[in-house]
């Protein structure tokens, strides 16, 4: 069963709004003046390491067309 990790921050936000209204405060929600900018620098490196058993290596050398 999949869990929803996004519900925890959402619940906190609603609890804060409910607390503001219950204490007689006013909540003002407005859009930001500038667009939100997200910069992601991602570097993915993969290294493949293989080792052949000595018998397998000899078999491949003796019969190169086996694969």
C-alpha atoms as a PDB file:
ATOM      1  CA  UNK A   1       0.000   0.000   0.000  1.00  0.00           C
ATOM      2  CA  UNK A   2       1.457   3.358  -1.007  1.00  0.00           C
ATOM      3  CA  UNK A   3       1.898   6.066   1.584  1.00  0.00           C
ATOM      4  CA  UNK A   4       1.302   9.737   0.955  1.00  0.00           C
ATOM      5  CA  UNK A   5       4.182  11.756   2.352  1.00  0.00           C
ATOM      6  CA  UNK A   6       2.719  14.962   0.900  1.00  0.00           C
ATOM      7  CA  UNK A   7      -0.188  14.892   3.354  1.00  0.00           C
ATOM      8  CA  UNK A   8       1.978  15.729   6.374  1.00  0.00           C
ATOM      9  CA  UNK A   9       2.969  19.277   5.238  1.00  0.00           C
ATOM     10  CA  UNK A  10      -0.586  19.853   3.965  1.00  0.00           C
ATOM     11  CA  UNK A  11      -2.043  18.896   7.349  1.00  0.00           C
ATOM     12  CA  UNK A  12       0.360  21.285   9.073  1.00  0.00           C
ATOM     13  CA  UNK A  13      -0.711  24.112   6.774  1.00  0.00           C
ATOM     14  CA  UNK A  14      -4.409  23.484   7.446  1.00  0.00           C
ATOM     15  CA  UNK A  15      -3.765  23.273  11.171  1.00  0.00           C
ATOM     16  CA  UNK A  16      -1.983  26.659  11.067  1.00  0.00           C
ATOM     17  CA  UNK A  17      -4.868  28.219   9.132  1.00  0.00           C
ATOM     18  CA  UNK A  18      -7.391  26.741  11.574  1.00  0.00           C
ATOM     19  CA  UNK A  19      -5.393  28.074  14.533  1.00  0.00           C
ATOM     20  CA  UNK A  20      -5.263  31.553  12.972  1.00  0.00           C
ATOM     21  CA  UNK A  21      -9.045  31.614  12.479  1.00  0.00           C
ATOM     22  CA  UNK A  22      -9.796  30.225  15.920  1.00  0.00           C
ATOM     23  CA  UNK A  23      -7.600  32.838  17.599  1.00  0.00           C
ATOM     24  CA  UNK A  24      -9.364  35.683  15.767  1.00  0.00           C
ATOM     25  CA  UNK A  25      -6.471  36.348  13.376  1.00  0.00           C
ATOM     26  CA  UNK A  26      -6.665  37.053   9.687  1.00  0.00           C
ATOM     27  CA  UNK A  27      -4.983  34.968   6.994  1.00  0.00           C
ATOM     28  CA  UNK A  28      -3.872  36.631   3.786  1.00  0.00           C
ATOM     29  CA  UNK A  29      -2.803  34.285   0.974  1.00  0.00           C
ATOM     30  CA  UNK A  30      -1.385  35.815  -2.207  1.00  0.00           C
ATOM     31  CA  UNK A  31       0.691  34.688  -5.172  1.00  0.00           C
ATOM     32  CA  UNK A  32       4.385  35.662  -5.251  1.00  0.00           C
ATOM     33  CA  UNK A  33       5.435  38.661  -7.372  1.00  0.00           C
ATOM     34  CA  UNK A  34       8.183  36.757  -9.200  1.00  0.00           C
ATOM     35  CA  UNK A  35       7.961  33.223 -10.600  1.00  0.00           C
ATOM     36  CA  UNK A  36       9.498  30.427  -8.566  1.00  0.00           C
ATOM     37  CA  UNK A  37      12.832  29.379 -10.057  1.00  0.00           C
ATOM     38  CA  UNK A  38      14.298  25.925  -9.416  1.00  0.00           C
ATOM     39  CA  UNK A  39      17.858  25.182 -10.520  1.00  0.00           C
ATOM     40  CA  UNK A  40      18.879  21.537 -10.570  1.00  0.00           C
ATOM     41  CA  UNK A  41      22.411  20.422 -11.291  1.00  0.00           C
ATOM     42  CA  UNK A  42      22.394  16.654 -11.607  1.00  0.00           C
ATOM     43  CA  UNK A  43      25.446  14.568 -12.385  1.00  0.00           C
ATOM     44  CA  UNK A  44      24.894  10.845 -12.849  1.00  0.00           C
ATOM     45  CA  UNK A  45      27.962   8.639 -13.132  1.00  0.00           C
ATOM     46  CA  UNK A  46      27.889   4.898 -13.552  1.00  0.00           C
ATOM     47  CA  UNK A  47      30.837   2.553 -13.390  1.00  0.00           C
ATOM     48  CA  UNK A  48      30.550  -1.074 -14.428  1.00  0.00           C
ATOM     49  CA  UNK A  49      33.089  -3.473 -12.979  1.00  0.00           C
ATOM     50  CA  UNK A  50      33.206  -7.102 -14.088  1.00  0.00           C
ATOM     51  CA  UNK A  51      35.439 -10.032 -13.229  1.00  0.00           C
ATOM     52  CA  UNK A  52      35.645 -13.319 -15.064  1.00  0.00           C
ATOM     53  CA  UNK A  53      36.499 -16.614 -13.487  1.00  0.00           C
ATOM     54  CA  UNK A  54      39.802 -17.941 -14.853  1.00  0.00           C
ATOM     55  CA  UNK A  55      38.070 -21.000 -16.408  1.00  0.00           C
ATOM     56  CA  UNK A  56      35.469 -18.815 -18.125  1.00  0.00           C
ATOM     57  CA  UNK A  57      38.187 -16.494 -19.406  1.00  0.00           C
ATOM     58  CA  UNK A  58      40.133 -19.446 -20.875  1.00  0.00           C
ATOM     59  CA  UNK A  59      36.955 -20.831 -22.496  1.00  0.00           C
ATOM     60  CA  UNK A  60      36.212 -17.481 -24.159  1.00  0.00           C
ATOM     61  CA  UNK A  61      39.778 -17.235 -25.429  1.00  0.00           C
ATOM     62  CA  UNK A  62      39.655 -20.800 -26.816  1.00  0.00           C
ATOM     63  CA  UNK A  63      36.232 -20.324 -28.451  1.00  0.00           C
ATOM     64  CA  UNK A  64      35.839 -16.623 -29.330  1.00  0.00           C
ATOM     65  CA  UNK A  65      32.649 -17.285 -31.335  1.00  0.00           C
ATOM     66  CA  UNK A  66      30.832 -18.740 -28.319  1.00  0.00           C
ATOM     67  CA  UNK A  67      28.960 -15.466 -27.768  1.00  0.00           C
END
